[in-house]
Amino acid sequence: MTQHRDLIEAIVGQPASDGDGVRLTRVFGGRDAARFDPFLMLDEFNSDSADDYIGGFPSHPHRGFETVTYMLEGRMLHEDHLGNRGLLGPGDVQWMTAGRGIIHSEMPQQDRGTMRGFQLWLNLPAADKMQPAHYRDLPASALPEQALAGGGQLKLIAGRIEHNGQSVTAPISGGKTDPLYIDVQLNANEHVSLPIPTTHRLLGYVYEGSVTVQGEQRTAVLEKGRLGRFGEGDRVSLQAGPSGARLLLLAGRPLAEPIVQYGPFVMNSEAEIHQAIRDYQLGRLTD
């Protein structure tokens, strides 16, 4: 029997600064991490002023989780200690698994125009935190899209979805958290109902327009700039407002493991965090 998920909480993103003075919106992250498990953080960057982004993110370390960078506008260059380089443009995605450790930079390749996109942090299970670092650069053309009956579309960044008798799988899928990451675009007043595994936690972030969430127990509106946290169920029902909507849907299987974070390190215990700091100080983070 179908059960549509209710919107149980709406969270307003907060202005923040990271890297070398990059202005962004921290949609969630840093506090009450268990509420969002397996996701750790979501940042939105969106500015047409170079002063807000030109400093970029100079070399910095990570250990214990994955970062997913999704560009909407602008160009960003990634370089890391392994000698890898990747240029992200509009619609491109980089999926980086920091694992045991990586030291990298993310720097704008423009000094004017709009820089717009998102970075999501996804936790790794304890058994996988110390795997070798690796990443994949995915051009926009590699990400499957599915047209909706009302003229909107789904862009699948991670996972697998079945809708209207069609099954679509993204280049990144599976794993213990089995993430589902969809960029949903809806026209004015368009409605869509999507399947979500009952095993997964569901979040939704509206970055244009608004949506009405038609749940099992109640109907609620999620406005632009708000993150929705959803209850249990096997589907989510969304209807765009009069100006349409764009939103990110994020679903993943919770790890239900201890989360201990210190800046760019996310481990399962204080002792592991202290070890990560020592490894970084001694130049052994990536060994």
Protein backbone atom coordinates (compact mmCIF):
# COMPACT_ATOMS: atom_id res chain seq x y z
CA MET A 1 0.00 0.00 0.00
CA THR A 2 1.41 3.37 -1.05
CA GLN A 3 2.35 5.80 1.72
CA HIS A 4 3.26 9.34 0.72
CA ARG A 5 5.90 10.93 2.91
CA ASP A 6 4.94 13.88 5.07
CA LEU A 7 7.09 16.97 5.40
CA ILE A 8 8.08 16.88 9.08
CA GLU A 9 10.53 19.80 9.25
CA ALA A 10 11.55 22.82 7.16
CA ILE A 11 15.02 24.30 7.74
CA VAL A 12 16.26 27.69 6.53
CA GLY A 13 19.82 27.75 5.17
CA GLN A 14 22.27 30.13 6.86
CA PRO A 15 24.81 32.52 5.27
CA ALA A 16 28.37 31.27 5.70
CA SER A 17 31.90 31.72 4.40
CA ASP A 18 34.39 28.97 3.57
CA GLY A 19 37.65 28.46 1.75
CA ASP A 20 39.33 31.79 0.98
CA GLY A 21 36.28 33.93 1.73
CA VAL A 22 33.76 32.20 -0.56
CA ARG A 23 30.25 33.31 0.37
CA LEU A 24 27.68 30.56 0.41
CA THR A 25 24.53 29.25 2.06
CA ARG A 26 25.01 26.37 4.48
CA VAL A 27 21.75 24.53 3.96
CA PHE A 28 22.59 22.08 6.75
CA GLY A 29 25.67 20.63 8.39
CA GLY A 30 27.80 20.55 11.51
CA ARG A 31 25.06 20.12 14.11
CA ASP A 32 22.64 17.30 14.90
CA ALA A 33 24.29 15.19 12.23
CA ALA A 34 22.25 12.09 13.10
CA ARG A 35 19.07 13.82 11.84
CA PHE A 36 20.47 13.85 8.30
CA ASP A 37 22.39 10.53 8.31
CA PRO A 38 23.93 9.46 5.91
CA PHE A 39 24.29 13.07 4.66
CA LEU A 40 26.62 15.42 6.49
CA MET A 41 26.35 18.81 4.82
CA LEU A 42 24.89 20.69 1.87
CA ASP A 43 26.27 24.04 0.69
CA GLU A 44 24.77 26.24 -2.03
CA PHE A 45 26.91 28.83 -3.78
CA ASN A 46 25.27 31.37 -6.05
CA SER A 47 26.71 34.77 -6.89
CA ASP A 48 27.37 36.95 -9.93
CA SER A 49 29.96 38.99 -7.97
CA ALA A 50 33.50 37.68 -8.35
CA ASP A 51 34.35 39.05 -4.90
CA ASP A 52 32.09 36.36 -3.44
CA TYR A 53 33.89 33.41 -5.05
CA ILE A 54 37.23 34.42 -6.60
CA GLY A 55 39.29 33.19 -3.60
CA GLY A 56 38.04 29.66 -4.14
CA PHE A 57 39.07 26.76 -1.94
CA PRO A 58 42.89 26.50 -1.79
CA SER A 59 44.56 23.20 -0.85
CA HIS A 60 42.86 21.50 2.10
CA PRO A 61 42.52 17.93 3.40
CA HIS A 62 39.61 15.49 3.78
CA ARG A 63 39.22 12.08 5.36
CA GLY A 64 36.33 9.71 5.96
CA PHE A 65 33.54 10.80 3.60
CA GLU A 66 32.57 11.72 0.02
CA THR A 67 32.03 15.12 -1.57
CA VAL A 68 29.68 15.67 -4.49
CA THR A 69 30.07 18.95 -6.40
CA TYR A 70 27.25 19.81 -8.83
CA MET A 71 27.74 22.88 -11.02
CA LEU A 72 24.84 24.83 -12.47
CA GLU A 73 26.79 27.82 -13.80
CA GLY A 74 30.47 28.73 -13.94
CA ARG A 75 33.73 26.79 -14.12
CA MET A 76 35.73 25.25 -11.27
CA LEU A 77 39.11 23.45 -11.46
CA HIS A 78 39.94 20.59 -9.09
CA GLU A 79 43.54 19.55 -8.42
CA ASP A 80 44.78 17.03 -5.84
CA HIS A 81 47.93 15.51 -4.34
CA LEU A 82 47.64 12.52 -6.70
CA GLY A 83 48.26 14.78 -9.70
CA ASN A 84 44.67 14.66 -10.88
CA ARG A 85 43.03 17.68 -12.50
CA GLY A 86 39.41 18.09 -13.48
CA LEU A 87 37.50 21.05 -14.86
CA LEU A 88 33.82 21.28 -13.96
CA GLY A 89 31.49 23.32 -16.14
CA PRO A 90 27.71 23.90 -16.21
CA GLY A 91 25.80 20.70 -15.44
CA ASP A 92 28.93 18.70 -14.54
CA VAL A 93 29.41 16.65 -11.37
CA GLN A 94 32.48 15.56 -9.44
CA TRP A 95 32.07 12.64 -7.05
CA MET A 96 35.11 12.43 -4.79
CA THR A 97 35.71 9.68 -2.24
CA ALA A 98 38.22 11.08 0.23
CA GLY A 99 38.65 7.73 1.98
CA ARG A 100 41.90 7.60 3.96
CA GLY A 101 42.84 11.05 2.84
CA ILE A 102 43.13 13.52 0.02
CA ILE A 103 44.55 17.04 -0.24
CA HIS A 104 42.96 19.08 -2.98
CA SER A 105 41.95 22.53 -4.16
CA GLU A 106 38.88 23.82 -5.96
CA MET A 107 39.49 27.10 -7.74
CA PRO A 108 37.24 29.23 -9.99
CA GLN A 109 38.29 29.53 -13.62
CA GLN A 110 36.59 32.88 -14.17
CA ASP A 111 36.84 36.40 -12.78
CA ARG A 112 33.37 37.55 -13.80
CA GLY A 113 29.90 36.10 -14.33
CA THR A 114 27.84 33.77 -12.19
CA MET A 115 29.20 30.90 -10.12
CA ARG A 116 26.35 28.64 -9.02
CA GLY A 117 26.07 25.12 -7.70
CA PHE A 118 26.10 22.80 -4.70
CA GLN A 119 28.45 20.68 -2.65
CA LEU A 120 27.06 17.73 -0.75
CA TRP A 121 28.95 15.69 1.87
CA LEU A 122 28.00 12.02 2.13
CA ASN A 123 29.29 9.89 4.99
CA LEU A 124 31.19 6.66 4.47
CA PRO A 125 30.62 3.56 6.63
CA ALA A 126 33.37 2.80 9.16
CA ALA A 127 34.56 -0.16 7.09
CA ASP A 128 35.20 2.10 4.07
CA LYS A 129 36.62 5.25 5.66
CA MET A 130 40.26 4.23 5.18
CA GLN A 131 40.01 3.09 1.55
CA PRO A 132 42.29 4.75 -1.02
CA ALA A 133 41.04 8.10 -2.27
CA HIS A 134 39.49 8.29 -5.73
CA TYR A 135 37.00 10.37 -7.68
CA ARG A 136 34.99 10.58 -10.87
CA ASP A 137 34.35 13.63 -13.03
CA LEU A 138 30.97 13.25 -14.74
CA PRO A 139 30.12 15.57 -17.66
CA ALA A 140 26.55 16.79 -17.93
CA SER A 141 26.06 14.48 -20.91
CA ALA A 142 26.70 11.42 -18.69
CA LEU A 143 23.82 12.20 -16.34
CA PRO A 144 20.52 10.65 -17.46
CA GLU A 145 17.44 12.83 -17.77
CA GLN A 146 13.79 11.83 -17.88
CA ALA A 147 11.02 14.03 -19.23
CA LEU A 148 7.88 14.43 -17.14
CA ALA A 149 4.35 14.47 -18.50
CA GLY A 150 3.81 18.10 -17.50
CA GLY A 151 6.93 19.34 -19.32
CA GLY A 152 9.37 19.22 -16.42
CA GLN A 153 12.28 16.83 -16.08
CA LEU A 154 14.32 14.71 -13.69
CA LYS A 155 18.13 14.78 -13.82
CA LEU A 156 19.60 11.79 -12.05
CA ILE A 157 22.97 12.41 -10.39
CA ALA A 158 23.12 9.23 -8.31
CA GLY A 159 21.07 6.10 -7.80
CA ARG A 160 18.27 4.43 -9.69
CA ILE A 161 14.64 5.41 -10.14
CA GLU A 162 11.58 3.87 -11.78
CA HIS A 163 8.98 6.32 -13.04
CA ASN A 164 6.17 5.95 -15.58
CA GLY A 165 7.31 2.44 -16.45
CA GLN A 166 10.89 3.48 -17.15
CA SER A 167 13.95 2.58 -15.12
CA VAL A 168 16.89 5.01 -15.10
CA THR A 169 20.27 4.44 -13.44
CA ALA A 170 22.95 7.07 -12.84
CA PRO A 171 26.70 6.42 -13.28
CA ILE A 172 27.02 6.44 -9.46
CA SER A 173 24.80 3.92 -7.69
CA GLY A 174 24.78 1.30 -4.95
CA GLY A 175 27.03 1.02 -1.91
CA LYS A 176 25.99 0.81 1.71
CA THR A 177 24.23 4.20 1.71
CA ASP A 178 22.77 3.59 -1.80
CA PRO A 179 22.32 7.33 -2.43
CA LEU A 180 19.62 8.79 -4.63
CA TYR A 181 20.32 12.34 -5.86
CA ILE A 182 17.83 13.97 -8.25
CA ASP A 183 17.61 17.51 -9.64
CA VAL A 184 13.86 17.98 -10.19
CA GLN A 185 12.56 20.70 -12.50
CA LEU A 186 8.80 21.34 -12.52
CA ASN A 187 6.75 23.77 -14.58
CA ALA A 188 4.06 25.96 -13.05
CA ASN A 189 1.60 23.88 -11.00
CA GLU A 190 3.09 20.62 -12.32
CA HIS A 191 2.70 17.54 -10.12
CA VAL A 192 5.00 14.55 -9.77
CA SER A 193 4.95 11.48 -7.52
CA LEU A 194 8.24 9.62 -7.18
CA PRO A 195 9.15 6.31 -5.51
CA ILE A 196 11.59 6.49 -2.60
CA PRO A 197 12.90 3.33 -0.89
CA THR A 198 11.35 2.87 2.55
CA THR A 199 14.85 2.15 3.90
CA HIS A 200 16.08 5.64 3.00
CA ARG A 201 16.03 9.01 4.73
CA LEU A 202 14.68 11.72 2.42
CA LEU A 203 15.65 15.40 2.22
CA GLY A 204 14.58 18.00 -0.32
CA TYR A 205 16.04 21.46 -0.98
CA VAL A 206 14.06 23.99 -3.03
CA TYR A 207 16.36 26.42 -4.84
CA GLU A 208 13.84 27.99 -7.22
CA GLY A 209 10.11 28.57 -6.78
CA SER A 210 8.15 26.51 -4.27
CA VAL A 211 6.51 23.10 -3.93
CA THR A 212 3.51 21.76 -2.07
CA VAL A 213 4.22 18.43 -0.38
CA GLN A 214 1.13 16.23 -0.39
CA GLY A 215 1.78 13.80 2.45
CA GLU A 216 -0.20 11.02 4.04
CA GLN A 217 -1.24 13.09 7.06
CA ARG A 218 -0.88 16.68 5.92
CA THR A 219 -0.14 19.07 3.08
CA ALA A 220 2.65 21.63 3.50
CA VAL A 221 4.46 24.20 1.34
CA LEU A 222 8.25 24.20 1.01
CA GLU A 223 9.52 27.61 -0.10
CA LYS A 224 12.71 28.60 -1.93
CA GLY A 225 15.79 28.43 0.28
CA ARG A 226 14.34 25.81 2.61
CA LEU A 227 15.40 22.23 3.23
CA GLY A 228 12.63 19.74 3.90
CA ARG A 229 13.07 16.67 6.08
CA PHE A 230 10.53 13.96 5.35
CA GLY A 231 8.94 11.19 7.36
CA GLU A 232 8.51 7.54 6.46
CA GLY A 233 6.87 6.22 3.31
CA ASP A 234 7.52 4.81 -0.15
CA ARG A 235 6.71 7.83 -2.33
CA VAL A 236 6.99 11.61 -2.32
CA SER A 237 4.28 13.75 -3.92
CA LEU A 238 5.21 17.27 -5.05
CA GLN A 239 3.33 20.04 -6.82
CA ALA A 240 5.09 23.16 -8.04
CA GLY A 241 3.79 26.62 -7.26
CA PRO A 242 2.64 29.16 -9.87
CA SER A 243 6.22 30.03 -10.86
CA GLY A 244 7.38 26.41 -11.11
CA ALA A 245 10.13 24.88 -9.01
CA ARG A 246 13.61 23.41 -8.98
CA LEU A 247 14.70 21.26 -6.08
CA LEU A 248 17.25 18.66 -5.08
CA LEU A 249 15.94 15.38 -3.71
CA LEU A 250 18.48 13.51 -1.57
CA ALA A 251 17.77 10.04 -0.24
CA GLY A 252 20.13 7.55 1.38
CA ARG A 253 20.19 4.57 3.71
CA PRO A 254 21.25 5.77 7.20
CA LEU A 255 24.46 4.26 8.56
CA ALA A 256 23.40 4.51 12.22
CA GLU A 257 27.06 4.78 13.26
CA PRO A 258 28.72 7.33 15.56
CA ILE A 259 29.62 10.58 13.76
CA VAL A 260 32.58 12.58 15.05
CA GLN A 261 33.56 15.55 12.90
CA TYR A 262 36.44 17.98 13.18
CA GLY A 263 36.46 20.34 10.20
CA PRO A 264 37.41 18.32 7.11
CA PHE A 265 37.68 14.99 8.97
CA VAL A 266 34.66 12.78 9.69
CA MET A 267 35.29 9.59 11.65
CA ASN A 268 33.58 7.37 14.22
CA SER A 269 35.54 8.24 17.38
CA GLU A 270 37.56 11.02 18.97
CA ALA A 271 40.64 8.80 18.82
CA GLU A 272 40.28 8.47 15.04
CA ILE A 273 39.94 12.24 14.71
CA HIS A 274 43.12 12.79 16.75
CA GLN A 275 44.89 10.27 14.50
CA ALA A 276 43.69 12.10 11.38
CA ILE A 277 45.04 15.40 12.75
CA ARG A 278 48.40 13.79 13.61
CA ASP A 279 48.60 12.14 10.20
CA TYR A 280 47.95 15.46 8.49
CA GLN A 281 50.50 17.32 10.63
CA LEU A 282 53.13 14.65 9.92
CA GLY A 283 52.37 14.46 6.20
CA ARG A 284 50.94 10.93 6.47
CA LEU A 285 47.25 11.65 5.87
CA THR A 286 47.28 10.24 2.35
CA ASP A 287 49.77 7.36 2.87
